[in-house]
Amino acid sequence: MYARTHEILTREAARLAGVDERLIPELCLAAKSPDLAPDYDYEVYLTHRGRLRVRRTRIKHHEPNPGLLKKYVVEARHRWIKGRREEAARLVGRALHYIGDSAIISPSKDEELHDRMERECSRIDPRNVIRDLSLFKPVGKRETLRVLVESLEKGPASSALEAVKRTLSTSFSIISSILSPPTAPREFRELGGRCHEYFKERERLILLLSLLLTMLPLIALILLSLELKPVIAFASLVPAITPSMIAGISAIILYRSRDMNTALYSARRVYGMLPWIIVGVVVSGLIVFGMGYVVISILLAPEIIMTIIAYLRLFNGLEWKEIKDEVDWFTWK
């Protein structure tokens, strides 16, 4: 779409979503910015001479890139929650640019149709199509990302009118969700409260988890450092130490937390590290085992057992499964 079309559609979607008038100029400017400051994909490759090089590829606007847009959407919400409103608006605007362009066929596939649809879109007044829209305001990250992905999966619109309608409705959904009040709605707060109580009832298990995850990798590091140079020992155990320490420290914060916000954010970090603990322990265990230090590799095994127990006893409840993806989308007060 033309830059002017992006600006008009973004302004109208923001107006429909009830966005603060002071933020609309930031939104509109950012909706035009990908044409002036493009996004790029970076790929590391090996040359035929065995040298590593980085290939930079400009991201195509008319071909959906869900990964990039999800990153923009989630990061925008994080900044909005932290009170960085202008930064959040700029990220939302960039996402809206790609949403609009994804509704137009790529010029690499049909340049004539692409140019014609962009011209026709520029002639449509969005105020005349509002009555035909089915506007939906998603609540939470899961619903917001679903709306985004469904819009991208539809592919190019069959007409300029359909492209404008889709862009307006999807833009409204994205804006109204990301730039909504940061506090979790009542139904989510109730689920969060039950999760918080559930964690408090299992404080001993959380304390044991934190001690094992922080102490076992350190003991293994000390023992391995007695046999090898400390740098080599540390490098061998980094895959296990890194996720274990992150989860262990987060578990300590979860154990000591008394407010729901801290508890849920800490629990989300622990939960997110569980798969990486298993992978890291297996990798480090194989490295150490390959060096001939069988006892040290076996010392790491209880981490895997404790990780499985933690998942089954702490993160296998229906309430947690309902809100685990929503934790970083809200503040829980």
C-alpha atoms as a PDB file:
ATOM      1  CA  MET A   1       0.000   0.000   0.000  1.00  0.00           C
ATOM      2  CA  TYR A   2       1.003   3.611  -0.462  1.00  0.00           C
ATOM      3  CA  ALA A   3       2.455   5.405   2.563  1.00  0.00           C
ATOM      4  CA  ARG A   4      -0.548   7.732   2.635  1.00  0.00           C
ATOM      5  CA  THR A   5      -2.922   4.729   2.613  1.00  0.00           C
ATOM      6  CA  HIS A   6      -1.090   3.178   5.567  1.00  0.00           C
ATOM      7  CA  GLU A   7      -1.414   6.444   7.457  1.00  0.00           C
ATOM      8  CA  ILE A   8      -5.142   6.851   6.750  1.00  0.00           C
ATOM      9  CA  LEU A   9      -6.024   3.260   7.698  1.00  0.00           C
ATOM     10  CA  THR A  10      -3.905   3.371  10.863  1.00  0.00           C
ATOM     11  CA  ARG A  11      -5.470   6.647  11.940  1.00  0.00           C
ATOM     12  CA  GLU A  12      -8.985   5.304  11.418  1.00  0.00           C
ATOM     13  CA  ALA A  13      -8.247   2.024  13.251  1.00  0.00           C
ATOM     14  CA  ALA A  14      -6.728   3.969  16.149  1.00  0.00           C
ATOM     15  CA  ARG A  15      -9.786   6.225  16.294  1.00  0.00           C
ATOM     16  CA  LEU A  16     -12.091   3.204  16.387  1.00  0.00           C
ATOM     17  CA  ALA A  17      -9.990   1.663  19.175  1.00  0.00           C
ATOM     18  CA  GLY A  18     -10.172   4.857  21.243  1.00  0.00           C
ATOM     19  CA  VAL A  19      -6.405   5.451  21.323  1.00  0.00           C
ATOM     20  CA  ASP A  20      -5.094   8.568  23.066  1.00  0.00           C
ATOM     21  CA  GLU A  21      -4.920  11.322  20.440  1.00  0.00           C
ATOM     22  CA  ARG A  22      -1.336  12.101  21.474  1.00  0.00           C
ATOM     23  CA  LEU A  23      -0.193   8.640  20.373  1.00  0.00           C
ATOM     24  CA  ILE A  24      -1.857   8.596  16.954  1.00  0.00           C
ATOM     25  CA  PRO A  25       0.908  10.617  15.207  1.00  0.00           C
ATOM     26  CA  GLU A  26       3.483   8.079  16.475  1.00  0.00           C
ATOM     27  CA  LEU A  27       1.333   5.212  15.204  1.00  0.00           C
ATOM     28  CA  CYS A  28       0.856   6.791  11.789  1.00  0.00           C
ATOM     29  CA  LEU A  29       4.512   7.692  11.340  1.00  0.00           C
ATOM     30  CA  ALA A  30       5.598   4.180  12.325  1.00  0.00           C
ATOM     31  CA  ALA A  31       3.053   2.641   9.939  1.00  0.00           C
ATOM     32  CA  LYS A  32       5.004   4.242   7.081  1.00  0.00           C
ATOM     33  CA  SER A  33       8.484   3.574   8.484  1.00  0.00           C
ATOM     34  CA  PRO A  34       9.234   0.059   7.110  1.00  0.00           C
ATOM     35  CA  ASP A  35       9.441   1.582   3.612  1.00  0.00           C
ATOM     36  CA  LEU A  36      12.140   3.991   4.840  1.00  0.00           C
ATOM     37  CA  ALA A  37      13.874   1.793   7.452  1.00  0.00           C
ATOM     38  CA  PRO A  38      13.405  -1.828   6.302  1.00  0.00           C
ATOM     39  CA  ASP A  39      13.690  -4.942   8.444  1.00  0.00           C
ATOM     40  CA  TYR A  40      16.248  -7.578   7.510  1.00  0.00           C
ATOM     41  CA  ASP A  41      16.808 -11.282   8.077  1.00  0.00           C
ATOM     42  CA  TYR A  42      20.358 -12.331   8.905  1.00  0.00           C
ATOM     43  CA  GLU A  43      21.722 -15.761   8.050  1.00  0.00           C
ATOM     44  CA  VAL A  44      25.153 -17.150   8.882  1.00  0.00           C
ATOM     45  CA  TYR A  45      26.597 -19.391   6.155  1.00  0.00           C
ATOM     46  CA  LEU A  46      29.856 -21.166   5.359  1.00  0.00           C
ATOM     47  CA  THR A  47      31.718 -20.280   2.163  1.00  0.00           C
ATOM     48  CA  HIS A  48      33.382 -22.907  -0.015  1.00  0.00           C
ATOM     49  CA  ARG A  49      36.678 -21.792   1.530  1.00  0.00           C
ATOM     50  CA  GLY A  50      35.412 -22.581   5.013  1.00  0.00           C
ATOM     51  CA  ARG A  51      34.821 -18.992   6.147  1.00  0.00           C
ATOM     52  CA  LEU A  52      31.773 -17.817   8.045  1.00  0.00           C
ATOM     53  CA  ARG A  53      29.795 -15.020   6.455  1.00  0.00           C
ATOM     54  CA  VAL A  54      26.540 -13.233   7.250  1.00  0.00           C
ATOM     55  CA  ARG A  55      23.914 -12.839   4.540  1.00  0.00           C
ATOM     56  CA  ARG A  56      21.479  -9.942   4.970  1.00  0.00           C
ATOM     57  CA  THR A  57      18.101 -10.227   3.230  1.00  0.00           C
ATOM     58  CA  ARG A  58      15.440  -7.543   3.196  1.00  0.00           C
ATOM     59  CA  ILE A  59      12.124  -8.816   4.523  1.00  0.00           C
ATOM     60  CA  LYS A  60       9.415  -8.738   1.888  1.00  0.00           C
ATOM     61  CA  HIS A  61       6.378  -6.702   2.859  1.00  0.00           C
ATOM     62  CA  HIS A  62       3.795  -8.527   0.771  1.00  0.00           C
ATOM     63  CA  GLU A  63       4.740 -12.030   1.945  1.00  0.00           C
ATOM     64  CA  PRO A  64       3.632 -12.852   5.512  1.00  0.00           C
ATOM     65  CA  ASN A  65       6.355 -13.064   8.144  1.00  0.00           C
ATOM     66  CA  PRO A  66       4.547 -14.259  11.304  1.00  0.00           C
ATOM     67  CA  GLY A  67       7.774 -14.497  13.311  1.00  0.00           C
ATOM     68  CA  LEU A  68       8.651 -10.828  12.835  1.00  0.00           C
ATOM     69  CA  LEU A  69       5.118  -9.593  13.517  1.00  0.00           C
ATOM     70  CA  LYS A  70       4.737 -11.728  16.653  1.00  0.00           C
ATOM     71  CA  LYS A  71       7.998 -10.224  17.907  1.00  0.00           C
ATOM     72  CA  TYR A  72       6.715  -6.703  17.256  1.00  0.00           C
ATOM     73  CA  VAL A  73       3.358  -7.416  18.920  1.00  0.00           C
ATOM     74  CA  VAL A  74       4.785  -9.017  22.071  1.00  0.00           C
ATOM     75  CA  GLU A  75       7.569  -6.446  22.485  1.00  0.00           C
ATOM     76  CA  ALA A  76       5.092  -3.600  21.980  1.00  0.00           C
ATOM     77  CA  ARG A  77       2.908  -4.952  24.770  1.00  0.00           C
ATOM     78  CA  HIS A  78       5.906  -5.356  27.080  1.00  0.00           C
ATOM     79  CA  ARG A  79       6.870  -1.723  26.545  1.00  0.00           C
ATOM     80  CA  TRP A  80       3.276  -0.579  27.004  1.00  0.00           C
ATOM     81  CA  ILE A  81       3.113  -2.349  30.370  1.00  0.00           C
ATOM     82  CA  LYS A  82       6.370  -0.641  31.417  1.00  0.00           C
ATOM     83  CA  GLY A  83       4.892   2.768  30.597  1.00  0.00           C
ATOM     84  CA  ARG A  84       6.971   3.346  27.449  1.00  0.00           C
ATOM     85  CA  ARG A  85       3.891   4.352  25.478  1.00  0.00           C
ATOM     86  CA  GLU A  86       5.535   6.056  22.493  1.00  0.00           C
ATOM     87  CA  GLU A  87       7.908   3.132  21.919  1.00  0.00           C
ATOM     88  CA  ALA A  88       4.992   0.706  22.081  1.00  0.00           C
ATOM     89  CA  ALA A  89       3.030   2.788  19.570  1.00  0.00           C
ATOM     90  CA  ARG A  90       5.970   2.805  17.160  1.00  0.00           C
ATOM     91  CA  LEU A  91       6.266  -0.987  17.267  1.00  0.00           C
ATOM     92  CA  VAL A  92       2.520  -1.380  16.752  1.00  0.00           C
ATOM     93  CA  GLY A  93       2.672   0.962  13.760  1.00  0.00           C
ATOM     94  CA  ARG A  94       5.431  -1.078  12.111  1.00  0.00           C
ATOM     95  CA  ALA A  95       3.382  -4.251  12.600  1.00  0.00           C
ATOM     96  CA  LEU A  96       0.323  -2.593  11.008  1.00  0.00           C
ATOM     97  CA  HIS A  97       2.373  -1.747   7.916  1.00  0.00           C
ATOM     98  CA  TYR A  98       3.077  -5.434   7.266  1.00  0.00           C
ATOM     99  CA  ILE A  99      -0.515  -6.387   8.034  1.00  0.00           C
ATOM    100  CA  GLY A 100      -1.724  -3.961   5.372  1.00  0.00           C
ATOM    101  CA  ASP A 101       0.834  -5.023   2.778  1.00  0.00           C
ATOM    102  CA  SER A 102       0.102  -8.730   3.349  1.00  0.00           C
ATOM    103  CA  ALA A 103      -3.431  -8.103   2.005  1.00  0.00           C
ATOM    104  CA  ILE A 104      -1.996  -6.997  -1.367  1.00  0.00           C
ATOM    105  CA  ILE A 105      -0.510  -9.464  -3.829  1.00  0.00           C
ATOM    106  CA  SER A 106       3.263  -9.300  -4.113  1.00  0.00           C
ATOM    107  CA  PRO A 107       4.619  -7.388  -7.136  1.00  0.00           C
ATOM    108  CA  SER A 108       6.967 -10.324  -7.763  1.00  0.00           C
ATOM    109  CA  LYS A 109       3.916 -12.477  -8.513  1.00  0.00           C
ATOM    110  CA  ASP A 110       1.762 -10.022 -10.442  1.00  0.00           C
ATOM    111  CA  GLU A 111       3.122  -6.500 -10.675  1.00  0.00           C
ATOM    112  CA  GLU A 112       0.224  -5.118 -12.707  1.00  0.00           C
ATOM    113  CA  LEU A 113      -2.424  -6.413 -10.267  1.00  0.00           C
ATOM    114  CA  HIS A 114      -0.332  -5.213  -7.313  1.00  0.00           C
ATOM    115  CA  ASP A 115      -0.091  -1.677  -8.689  1.00  0.00           C
ATOM    116  CA  ARG A 116      -3.782  -1.564  -9.587  1.00  0.00           C
ATOM    117  CA  MET A 117      -4.903  -2.746  -6.136  1.00  0.00           C
ATOM    118  CA  GLU A 118      -2.675  -0.203  -4.387  1.00  0.00           C
ATOM    119  CA  ARG A 119      -4.167   2.590  -6.509  1.00  0.00           C
ATOM    120  CA  GLU A 120      -7.705   1.405  -5.765  1.00  0.00           C
ATOM    121  CA  CYS A 121      -6.981   1.118  -2.021  1.00  0.00           C
ATOM    122  CA  SER A 122      -5.780   4.719  -1.988  1.00  0.00           C
ATOM    123  CA  ARG A 123      -9.165   5.855  -3.375  1.00  0.00           C
ATOM    124  CA  ILE A 124     -11.282   4.103  -0.736  1.00  0.00           C
ATOM    125  CA  ASP A 125     -12.420   6.184   2.211  1.00  0.00           C
ATOM    126  CA  PRO A 126     -12.236   3.858   5.263  1.00  0.00           C
ATOM    127  CA  ARG A 127     -15.096   5.730   6.933  1.00  0.00           C
ATOM    128  CA  ASN A 128     -17.424   4.379   4.243  1.00  0.00           C
ATOM    129  CA  VAL A 129     -16.660   0.718   5.049  1.00  0.00           C
ATOM    130  CA  ILE A 130     -16.826   0.817   8.856  1.00  0.00           C
ATOM    131  CA  ARG A 131     -20.476  -0.243   8.930  1.00  0.00           C
ATOM    132  CA  ASP A 132     -19.514  -3.463   7.072  1.00  0.00           C
ATOM    133  CA  LEU A 133     -16.764  -4.462   9.527  1.00  0.00           C
ATOM    134  CA  SER A 134     -16.990  -7.115  12.226  1.00  0.00           C
ATOM    135  CA  LEU A 135     -14.701  -5.587  14.829  1.00  0.00           C
ATOM    136  CA  PHE A 136     -13.259  -7.911  17.459  1.00  0.00           C
ATOM    137  CA  LYS A 137     -11.273  -6.865  20.517  1.00  0.00           C
ATOM    138  CA  PRO A 138      -9.062  -9.769  21.635  1.00  0.00           C
ATOM    139  CA  VAL A 139      -8.188 -10.195  25.299  1.00  0.00           C
ATOM    140  CA  GLY A 140      -4.728 -11.525  26.098  1.00  0.00           C
ATOM    141  CA  LYS A 141      -1.730 -12.671  24.117  1.00  0.00           C
ATOM    142  CA  ARG A 142      -3.199 -15.940  22.863  1.00  0.00           C
ATOM    143  CA  GLU A 143      -6.240 -14.307  21.257  1.00  0.00           C
ATOM    144  CA  THR A 144      -4.207 -11.413  19.853  1.00  0.00           C
ATOM    145  CA  LEU A 145      -1.676 -13.662  18.150  1.00  0.00           C
ATOM    146  CA  ARG A 146      -4.467 -15.865  16.821  1.00  0.00           C
ATOM    147  CA  VAL A 147      -6.116 -12.865  15.149  1.00  0.00           C
ATOM    148  CA  LEU A 148      -2.760 -11.841  13.681  1.00  0.00           C
ATOM    149  CA  VAL A 149      -1.908 -15.281  12.291  1.00  0.00           C
ATOM    150  CA  GLU A 150      -5.390 -15.851  10.874  1.00  0.00           C
ATOM    151  CA  SER A 151      -5.177 -12.551   9.009  1.00  0.00           C
ATOM    152  CA  LEU A 152      -1.788 -13.440   7.519  1.00  0.00           C
ATOM    153  CA  GLU A 153      -2.909 -16.951   6.559  1.00  0.00           C
ATOM    154  CA  LYS A 154      -5.718 -15.573   4.404  1.00  0.00           C
ATOM    155  CA  GLY A 155      -3.170 -14.408   1.856  1.00  0.00           C
ATOM    156  CA  PRO A 156      -3.710 -11.590  -0.637  1.00  0.00           C
ATOM    157  CA  ALA A 157      -7.222 -10.135  -0.799  1.00  0.00           C
ATOM    158  CA  SER A 158      -9.303 -10.668  -3.915  1.00  0.00           C
ATOM    159  CA  SER A 159     -10.121  -6.957  -4.214  1.00  0.00           C
ATOM    160  CA  ALA A 160      -8.987  -3.596  -2.944  1.00  0.00           C
ATOM    161  CA  LEU A 161     -12.155  -3.234  -0.885  1.00  0.00           C
ATOM    162  CA  GLU A 162     -11.521  -6.564   0.855  1.00  0.00           C
ATOM    163  CA  ALA A 163      -7.894  -5.533   1.489  1.00  0.00           C
ATOM    164  CA  VAL A 164      -8.994  -2.295   3.170  1.00  0.00           C
ATOM    165  CA  LYS A 165     -11.639  -4.060   5.273  1.00  0.00           C
ATOM    166  CA  ARG A 166      -9.225  -6.752   6.419  1.00  0.00           C
ATOM    167  CA  THR A 167      -6.502  -4.236   7.229  1.00  0.00           C
ATOM    168  CA  LEU A 168      -8.904  -2.069   9.222  1.00  0.00           C
ATOM    169  CA  SER A 169     -10.425  -4.924  11.223  1.00  0.00           C
ATOM    170  CA  THR A 170      -7.080  -6.607  11.992  1.00  0.00           C
ATOM    171  CA  SER A 171      -5.450  -3.281  12.842  1.00  0.00           C
ATOM    172  CA  PHE A 172      -8.312  -2.479  15.213  1.00  0.00           C
ATOM    173  CA  SER A 173      -7.863  -5.840  16.972  1.00  0.00           C
ATOM    174  CA  ILE A 174      -4.101  -5.430  17.332  1.00  0.00           C
ATOM    175  CA  ILE A 175      -4.280  -1.816  18.546  1.00  0.00           C
ATOM    176  CA  SER A 176      -7.148  -2.370  20.978  1.00  0.00           C
ATOM    177  CA  SER A 177      -5.393  -5.337  22.576  1.00  0.00           C
ATOM    178  CA  ILE A 178      -1.803  -4.052  22.819  1.00  0.00           C
ATOM    179  CA  LEU A 179      -2.712  -0.510  23.888  1.00  0.00           C
ATOM    180  CA  SER A 180      -5.302  -1.628  26.439  1.00  0.00           C
ATOM    181  CA  PRO A 181      -4.939  -1.178  30.237  1.00  0.00           C
ATOM    182  CA  PRO A 182      -2.065  -3.320  31.551  1.00  0.00           C
ATOM    183  CA  THR A 183      -3.968  -4.802  34.511  1.00  0.00           C
ATOM    184  CA  ALA A 184      -5.285  -8.318  33.907  1.00  0.00           C
ATOM    185  CA  PRO A 185      -9.084  -8.576  33.552  1.00  0.00           C
ATOM    186  CA  ARG A 186     -11.085 -10.104  36.388  1.00  0.00           C
ATOM    187  CA  GLU A 187     -11.370 -13.630  34.958  1.00  0.00           C
ATOM    188  CA  PHE A 188      -7.608 -13.826  34.474  1.00  0.00           C
ATOM    189  CA  ARG A 189      -6.935 -12.365  37.923  1.00  0.00           C
ATOM    190  CA  GLU A 190      -9.098 -15.074  39.471  1.00  0.00           C
ATOM    191  CA  LEU A 191      -7.084 -17.765  37.677  1.00  0.00           C
ATOM    192  CA  GLY A 192      -3.856 -16.027  38.681  1.00  0.00           C
ATOM    193  CA  GLY A 193      -4.984 -15.876  42.301  1.00  0.00           C
ATOM    194  CA  ARG A 194      -5.692 -19.606  42.340  1.00  0.00           C
ATOM    195  CA  CYS A 195      -2.242 -20.298  40.828  1.00  0.00           C
ATOM    196  CA  HIS A 196      -0.641 -18.053  43.440  1.00  0.00           C
ATOM    197  CA  GLU A 197      -2.374 -19.957  46.252  1.00  0.00           C
ATOM    198  CA  TYR A 198      -1.372 -23.249  44.651  1.00  0.00           C
ATOM    199  CA  PHE A 199       2.300 -22.201  44.634  1.00  0.00           C
ATOM    200  CA  LYS A 200       2.127 -21.014  48.249  1.00  0.00           C
ATOM    201  CA  GLU A 201       0.793 -24.425  49.306  1.00  0.00           C
ATOM    202  CA  ARG A 202       3.879 -26.027  47.745  1.00  0.00           C
ATOM    203  CA  GLU A 203       6.569 -23.754  49.177  1.00  0.00           C
ATOM    204  CA  ARG A 204       8.714 -26.651  50.386  1.00  0.00           C
ATOM    205  CA  LEU A 205       8.817 -28.228  46.944  1.00  0.00           C
ATOM    206  CA  ILE A 206       9.732 -24.851  45.399  1.00  0.00           C
ATOM    207  CA  LEU A 207      12.514 -24.374  47.977  1.00  0.00           C
ATOM    208  CA  LEU A 208      13.898 -27.854  47.274  1.00  0.00           C
ATOM    209  CA  LEU A 209      13.730 -27.167  43.540  1.00  0.00           C
ATOM    210  CA  SER A 210      15.635 -23.890  43.924  1.00  0.00           C
ATOM    211  CA  LEU A 211      18.354 -25.501  46.056  1.00  0.00           C
ATOM    212  CA  LEU A 212      18.896 -28.423  43.700  1.00  0.00           C
ATOM    213  CA  LEU A 213      18.967 -26.277  40.566  1.00  0.00           C
ATOM    214  CA  THR A 214      21.469 -23.817  42.022  1.00  0.00           C
ATOM    215  CA  MET A 215      23.686 -26.176  44.055  1.00  0.00           C
ATOM    216  CA  LEU A 216      24.106 -29.263  41.861  1.00  0.00           C
ATOM    217  CA  PRO A 217      25.657 -27.444  38.858  1.00  0.00           C
ATOM    218  CA  LEU A 218      28.022 -25.559  41.206  1.00  0.00           C
ATOM    219  CA  ILE A 219      29.103 -28.774  42.945  1.00  0.00           C
ATOM    220  CA  ALA A 220      29.703 -30.401  39.559  1.00  0.00           C
ATOM    221  CA  LEU A 221      31.708 -27.346  38.461  1.00  0.00           C
ATOM    222  CA  ILE A 222      33.876 -27.430  41.595  1.00  0.00           C
ATOM    223  CA  LEU A 223      34.575 -31.153  41.223  1.00  0.00           C
ATOM    224  CA  LEU A 224      35.369 -30.859  37.526  1.00  0.00           C
ATOM    225  CA  SER A 225      37.616 -27.848  38.170  1.00  0.00           C
ATOM    226  CA  LEU A 226      39.738 -30.065  40.428  1.00  0.00           C
ATOM    227  CA  GLU A 227      40.452 -32.299  37.431  1.00  0.00           C
ATOM    228  CA  LEU A 228      40.565 -29.758  34.576  1.00  0.00           C
ATOM    229  CA  LYS A 229      41.381 -26.116  34.058  1.00  0.00           C
ATOM    230  CA  PRO A 230      38.504 -23.995  35.445  1.00  0.00           C
ATOM    231  CA  VAL A 231      37.839 -22.455  32.019  1.00  0.00           C
ATOM    232  CA  ILE A 232      37.474 -25.885  30.380  1.00  0.00           C
ATOM    233  CA  ALA A 233      35.338 -27.141  33.263  1.00  0.00           C
ATOM    234  CA  PHE A 234      33.048 -24.121  33.043  1.00  0.00           C
ATOM    235  CA  ALA A 235      32.742 -24.384  29.243  1.00  0.00           C
ATOM    236  CA  SER A 236      31.791 -28.059  29.562  1.00  0.00           C
ATOM    237  CA  LEU A 237      29.023 -27.309  32.054  1.00  0.00           C
ATOM    238  CA  VAL A 238      27.661 -24.050  30.596  1.00  0.00           C
ATOM    239  CA  PRO A 239      24.717 -25.798  28.861  1.00  0.00           C
ATOM    240  CA  ALA A 240      23.575 -27.143  32.249  1.00  0.00           C
ATOM    241  CA  ILE A 241      24.584 -24.212  34.453  1.00  0.00           C
ATOM    242  CA  THR A 242      22.848 -21.418  32.524  1.00  0.00           C
ATOM    243  CA  PRO A 243      19.211 -22.639  32.490  1.00  0.00           C
ATOM    244  CA  SER A 244      19.582 -24.231  35.933  1.00  0.00           C
ATOM    245  CA  MET A 245      20.763 -21.006  37.563  1.00  0.00           C
ATOM    246  CA  ILE A 246      18.069 -18.917  35.868  1.00  0.00           C
ATOM    247  CA  ALA A 247      15.360 -21.355  36.990  1.00  0.00           C
ATOM    248  CA  GLY A 248      16.893 -21.783  40.452  1.00  0.00           C
ATOM    249  CA  ILE A 249      17.095 -18.061  41.173  1.00  0.00           C
ATOM    250  CA  SER A 250      13.578 -17.568  39.788  1.00  0.00           C
ATOM    251  CA  ALA A 251      12.355 -20.383  42.061  1.00  0.00           C
ATOM    252  CA  ILE A 252      13.917 -18.616  45.048  1.00  0.00           C
ATOM    253  CA  ILE A 253      12.053 -15.417  44.093  1.00  0.00           C
ATOM    254  CA  LEU A 254       8.855 -17.460  43.687  1.00  0.00           C
ATOM    255  CA  TYR A 255       9.396 -19.009  47.126  1.00  0.00           C
ATOM    256  CA  ARG A 256       9.875 -15.617  48.788  1.00  0.00           C
ATOM    257  CA  SER A 257       7.221 -13.716  46.822  1.00  0.00           C
ATOM    258  CA  ARG A 258       4.112 -12.507  48.598  1.00  0.00           C
ATOM    259  CA  ASP A 259       2.359 -10.678  45.758  1.00  0.00           C
ATOM    260  CA  MET A 260       0.723 -12.305  42.762  1.00  0.00           C
ATOM    261  CA  ASN A 261       2.601 -10.284  40.134  1.00  0.00           C
ATOM    262  CA  THR A 262       6.058 -11.362  41.324  1.00  0.00           C
ATOM    263  CA  ALA A 263       4.923 -14.947  41.855  1.00  0.00           C
ATOM    264  CA  LEU A 264       3.448 -15.397  38.380  1.00  0.00           C
ATOM    265  CA  TYR A 265       6.347 -13.745  36.549  1.00  0.00           C
ATOM    266  CA  SER A 266       8.855 -15.870  38.515  1.00  0.00           C
ATOM    267  CA  ALA A 267       6.826 -19.026  37.889  1.00  0.00           C
ATOM    268  CA  ARG A 268       6.754 -18.225  34.165  1.00  0.00           C
ATOM    269  CA  ARG A 269      10.567 -17.988  34.092  1.00  0.00           C
ATOM    270  CA  VAL A 270      10.932 -21.298  35.925  1.00  0.00           C
ATOM    271  CA  TYR A 271       8.408 -22.963  33.624  1.00  0.00           C
ATOM    272  CA  GLY A 272      10.109 -21.621  30.505  1.00  0.00           C
ATOM    273  CA  MET A 273      13.502 -22.976  31.613  1.00  0.00           C
ATOM    274  CA  LEU A 274      12.374 -26.551  32.367  1.00  0.00           C
ATOM    275  CA  PRO A 275      12.893 -27.965  28.840  1.00  0.00           C
ATOM    276  CA  TRP A 276      16.245 -26.186  28.559  1.00  0.00           C
ATOM    277  CA  ILE A 277      17.410 -27.675  31.857  1.00  0.00           C
ATOM    278  CA  ILE A 278      16.836 -31.185  30.501  1.00  0.00           C
ATOM    279  CA  VAL A 279      18.579 -30.365  27.207  1.00  0.00           C
ATOM    280  CA  GLY A 280      21.468 -28.624  28.987  1.00  0.00           C
ATOM    281  CA  VAL A 281      21.999 -31.431  31.507  1.00  0.00           C
ATOM    282  CA  VAL A 282      21.996 -34.051  28.736  1.00  0.00           C
ATOM    283  CA  VAL A 283      24.498 -32.067  26.642  1.00  0.00           C
ATOM    284  CA  SER A 284      26.828 -31.312  29.569  1.00  0.00           C
ATOM    285  CA  GLY A 285      26.460 -34.861  30.869  1.00  0.00           C
ATOM    286  CA  LEU A 286      27.513 -36.308  27.520  1.00  0.00           C
ATOM    287  CA  ILE A 287      30.482 -33.924  27.302  1.00  0.00           C
ATOM    288  CA  VAL A 288      31.686 -34.759  30.805  1.00  0.00           C
ATOM    289  CA  PHE A 289      30.994 -38.464  30.322  1.00  0.00           C
ATOM    290  CA  GLY A 290      33.007 -38.393  27.096  1.00  0.00           C
ATOM    291  CA  MET A 291      35.926 -36.956  29.036  1.00  0.00           C
ATOM    292  CA  GLY A 292      35.802 -39.935  31.381  1.00  0.00           C
ATOM    293  CA  TYR A 293      34.276 -38.240  34.451  1.00  0.00           C
ATOM    294  CA  VAL A 294      31.343 -40.587  34.939  1.00  0.00           C
ATOM    295  CA  VAL A 295      30.591 -39.668  38.559  1.00  0.00           C
ATOM    296  CA  ILE A 296      30.271 -35.961  37.743  1.00  0.00           C
ATOM    297  CA  SER A 297      27.974 -36.673  34.820  1.00  0.00           C
ATOM    298  CA  ILE A 298      25.772 -38.834  37.088  1.00  0.00           C
ATOM    299  CA  LEU A 299      25.702 -35.990  39.652  1.00  0.00           C
ATOM    300  CA  LEU A 300      23.693 -33.902  37.179  1.00  0.00           C
ATOM    301  CA  ALA A 301      20.996 -36.587  36.699  1.00  0.00           C
ATOM    302  CA  PRO A 302      18.854 -35.536  39.722  1.00  0.00           C
ATOM    303  CA  GLU A 303      18.214 -32.234  37.954  1.00  0.00           C
ATOM    304  CA  ILE A 304      16.284 -34.043  35.247  1.00  0.00           C
ATOM    305  CA  ILE A 305      14.255 -35.957  37.833  1.00  0.00           C
ATOM    306  CA  MET A 306      13.520 -32.773  39.793  1.00  0.00           C
ATOM    307  CA  THR A 307      12.544 -30.957  36.603  1.00  0.00           C
ATOM    308  CA  ILE A 308       9.975 -33.630  35.747  1.00  0.00           C
ATOM    309  CA  ILE A 309       8.616 -33.571  39.310  1.00  0.00           C
ATOM    310  CA  ALA A 310       8.400 -29.759  39.201  1.00  0.00           C
ATOM    311  CA  TYR A 311       6.390 -29.872  35.993  1.00  0.00           C
ATOM    312  CA  LEU A 312       3.999 -32.543  37.288  1.00  0.00           C
ATOM    313  CA  ARG A 313       3.524 -30.985  40.748  1.00  0.00           C
ATOM    314  CA  LEU A 314       3.646 -27.263  39.944  1.00  0.00           C
ATOM    315  CA  PHE A 315       2.792 -26.604  36.307  1.00  0.00           C
ATOM    316  CA  ASN A 316       0.360 -29.338  35.309  1.00  0.00           C
ATOM    317  CA  GLY A 317      -2.816 -27.702  36.630  1.00  0.00           C
ATOM    318  CA  LEU A 318      -5.623 -26.425  34.412  1.00  0.00           C
ATOM    319  CA  GLU A 319      -5.411 -22.903  35.867  1.00  0.00           C
ATOM    320  CA  TRP A 320      -1.721 -22.582  35.011  1.00  0.00           C
ATOM    321  CA  LYS A 321      -2.268 -23.917  31.505  1.00  0.00           C
ATOM    322  CA  GLU A 322      -4.939 -21.260  31.008  1.00  0.00           C
ATOM    323  CA  ILE A 323      -2.770 -18.275  31.979  1.00  0.00           C
ATOM    324  CA  LYS A 324       0.853 -19.347  31.383  1.00  0.00           C
ATOM    325  CA  ASP A 325       0.905 -17.626  27.991  1.00  0.00           C
ATOM    326  CA  GLU A 326      -0.826 -14.533  29.382  1.00  0.00           C
ATOM    327  CA  VAL A 327       1.514 -13.793  32.310  1.00  0.00           C
ATOM    328  CA  ASP A 328       3.764 -11.324  30.465  1.00  0.00           C
ATOM    329  CA  TRP A 329       0.775  -9.664  28.759  1.00  0.00           C
ATOM    330  CA  PHE A 330      -0.596  -8.138  31.958  1.00  0.00           C
ATOM    331  CA  THR A 331       0.287  -6.849  35.379  1.00  0.00           C
ATOM    332  CA  TRP A 332      -1.265  -8.911  38.161  1.00  0.00           C
ATOM    333  CA  LYS A 333      -2.284  -6.627  41.019  1.00  0.00           C
END
